[in-house]
Structure formats: C-alpha cells, structure tokens
Amino acid sequence: MPEHLHAVLHQLNEGGHVSSLMENFKRLTSRRLLAVGIGNGALWQQHYDDVPVPGSDALRTKLRYLHHNPVRRGLVECAEDYPWSSARDYAAMERGIVQVTTDL
C-alpha cells in the first residue's frame, strides 16, 4: 500500500524478538530513503500492530486479506498486478520485487 506496510514474519528461534527486528527495519529504511531524498525524517509511526497467527489456515486467511488490499483500494484489478505484493509468489507465477519464503 502506498502509505503503509503489511508483513507476515515468522520467528525462527525462541530468542528472537519482533520488536528488535521492526526497530532495525524502520531505522534502516528511514536512513536509506532519507539518503536518496525521500521523506522528511518522520517515515514510520512509533508503534506497529503485532498480531499472532495461530496455524496455517489462519495464515492463509491473513495472506488473502493482505494480498487483496490493493484490489479493495482500487489500485489494481488483480492482486498479482500490485508490484509490492507477494501475491505473484504465492500464485506461483514468478518472483516479485519483495523476496519471500512461501512454505505453505
């Protein structure tokens, strides 16, 4: 989406913390965008929504919802046409711009 990000993250080990990952991601992307003249220093909100997804059926439901956001917003007619979506990867069409792991 042009003004926000949806991501599905899988914690690989018990010691990892999503909050640390998000903090580092926000810092890195802010610095890189500012370096190329995009943004004014206030790119990210202070918080993020951390929603646990219990099981593969719930994950598939969340992914369908996320993939169809650009369609609902009228940005594209087909979820696979939105360039910043992993919908193409999950539809096994081709690799998209965003690298993903599709273990479903």
Protein backbone atom coordinates (compact mmCIF):
# COMPACT_ATOMS: atom_id res chain seq x y z
CA MET A 1 0.00 0.00 0.00
CA PRO A 2 1.33 3.46 -0.75
CA GLU A 3 1.11 4.75 2.83
CA HIS A 4 1.57 1.64 4.97
CA LEU A 5 3.17 -1.77 5.11
CA HIS A 6 1.81 -5.22 5.83
CA ALA A 7 4.25 -8.02 6.57
CA VAL A 8 3.99 -11.57 7.81
CA LEU A 9 7.01 -12.55 9.87
CA HIS A 10 7.94 -15.97 11.16
CA GLN A 11 10.07 -16.17 14.28
CA LEU A 12 12.70 -18.84 13.68
CA ASN A 13 14.06 -19.07 17.20
CA GLU A 14 12.79 -18.50 20.71
CA GLY A 15 15.39 -15.82 21.42
CA GLY A 16 14.35 -13.53 18.58
CA HIS A 17 12.18 -10.50 19.18
CA VAL A 18 9.89 -8.99 16.56
CA SER A 19 10.22 -5.61 18.26
CA SER A 20 14.00 -5.58 17.65
CA LEU A 21 13.51 -6.64 14.05
CA MET A 22 10.96 -3.89 13.44
CA GLU A 23 13.11 -1.25 15.15
CA ASN A 24 16.08 -2.17 12.94
CA PHE A 25 13.94 -2.34 9.80
CA LYS A 26 12.46 1.11 10.46
CA ARG A 27 15.87 2.61 11.18
CA LEU A 28 17.49 1.10 8.06
CA THR A 29 14.69 2.02 5.67
CA SER A 30 14.43 5.57 7.06
CA ARG A 31 18.15 6.17 6.61
CA ARG A 32 18.22 4.77 3.08
CA LEU A 33 15.18 6.75 1.95
CA LEU A 34 16.46 9.98 3.50
CA ALA A 35 19.82 9.41 1.78
CA VAL A 36 18.11 9.45 -1.63
CA GLY A 37 15.93 12.43 -0.76
CA ILE A 38 12.68 10.65 0.09
CA GLY A 39 10.87 11.63 3.26
CA ASN A 40 11.44 14.24 5.92
CA GLY A 41 12.65 12.16 8.85
CA ALA A 42 9.24 11.01 10.15
CA LEU A 43 8.64 7.99 7.94
CA TRP A 44 7.36 5.44 10.49
CA GLN A 45 4.88 5.53 13.34
CA GLN A 46 6.25 4.74 16.79
CA HIS A 47 4.16 1.57 17.13
CA TYR A 48 3.15 -1.36 14.97
CA ASP A 49 0.42 -3.97 15.24
CA ASP A 50 1.76 -7.37 16.26
CA VAL A 51 -0.96 -9.94 15.56
CA PRO A 52 -0.15 -13.61 16.27
CA VAL A 53 -1.42 -16.00 13.59
CA PRO A 54 -2.25 -19.43 15.05
CA GLY A 55 -1.70 -22.05 12.37
CA SER A 56 -1.51 -22.40 8.60
CA ASP A 57 -5.25 -21.92 7.95
CA ALA A 58 -5.22 -18.59 9.78
CA LEU A 59 -2.05 -17.63 7.90
CA ARG A 60 -3.68 -18.34 4.53
CA THR A 61 -6.66 -16.19 5.56
CA LYS A 62 -4.37 -13.30 6.58
CA LEU A 63 -2.37 -13.57 3.36
CA ARG A 64 -5.52 -13.48 1.20
CA TYR A 65 -6.64 -10.38 3.10
CA LEU A 66 -3.25 -8.69 2.67
CA HIS A 67 -2.94 -9.63 -1.00
CA HIS A 68 -6.37 -8.20 -1.82
CA ASN A 69 -5.82 -4.86 -0.06
CA PRO A 70 -4.64 -3.13 -3.29
CA VAL A 71 -7.70 -4.53 -5.12
CA ARG A 72 -10.09 -3.21 -2.46
CA ARG A 73 -8.37 0.18 -2.63
CA GLY A 74 -8.79 0.29 -6.42
CA LEU A 75 -5.05 0.34 -7.14
CA VAL A 76 -5.16 -2.78 -9.32
CA GLU A 77 -7.81 -5.14 -10.65
CA CYS A 78 -5.92 -8.30 -9.72
CA ALA A 79 -3.83 -8.82 -6.55
CA GLU A 80 -0.95 -10.26 -8.59
CA ASP A 81 -0.66 -6.96 -10.50
CA TYR A 82 0.37 -4.90 -7.46
CA PRO A 83 4.17 -4.69 -7.75
CA TRP A 84 4.90 -4.53 -3.99
CA SER A 85 2.84 -7.60 -3.14
CA SER A 86 3.90 -11.20 -2.64
CA ALA A 87 0.69 -12.34 -4.37
CA ARG A 88 2.65 -13.31 -7.50
CA ASP A 89 4.93 -15.51 -5.41
CA TYR A 90 2.04 -17.29 -3.71
CA ALA A 91 0.25 -17.76 -7.03
CA ALA A 92 3.48 -19.43 -8.27
CA MET A 93 3.60 -17.05 -11.22
CA GLU A 94 7.10 -15.63 -10.66
CA ARG A 95 9.28 -13.95 -8.07
CA GLY A 96 8.09 -10.49 -7.17
CA ILE A 97 10.03 -7.40 -6.09
CA VAL A 98 9.79 -8.37 -2.42
CA GLN A 99 11.68 -11.56 -1.63
CA VAL A 100 9.51 -14.02 0.29
CA THR A 101 9.54 -17.59 1.52
CA THR A 102 6.38 -19.45 0.54
CA ASP A 103 6.28 -22.56 2.73
CA LEU A 104 2.50 -23.03 2.67
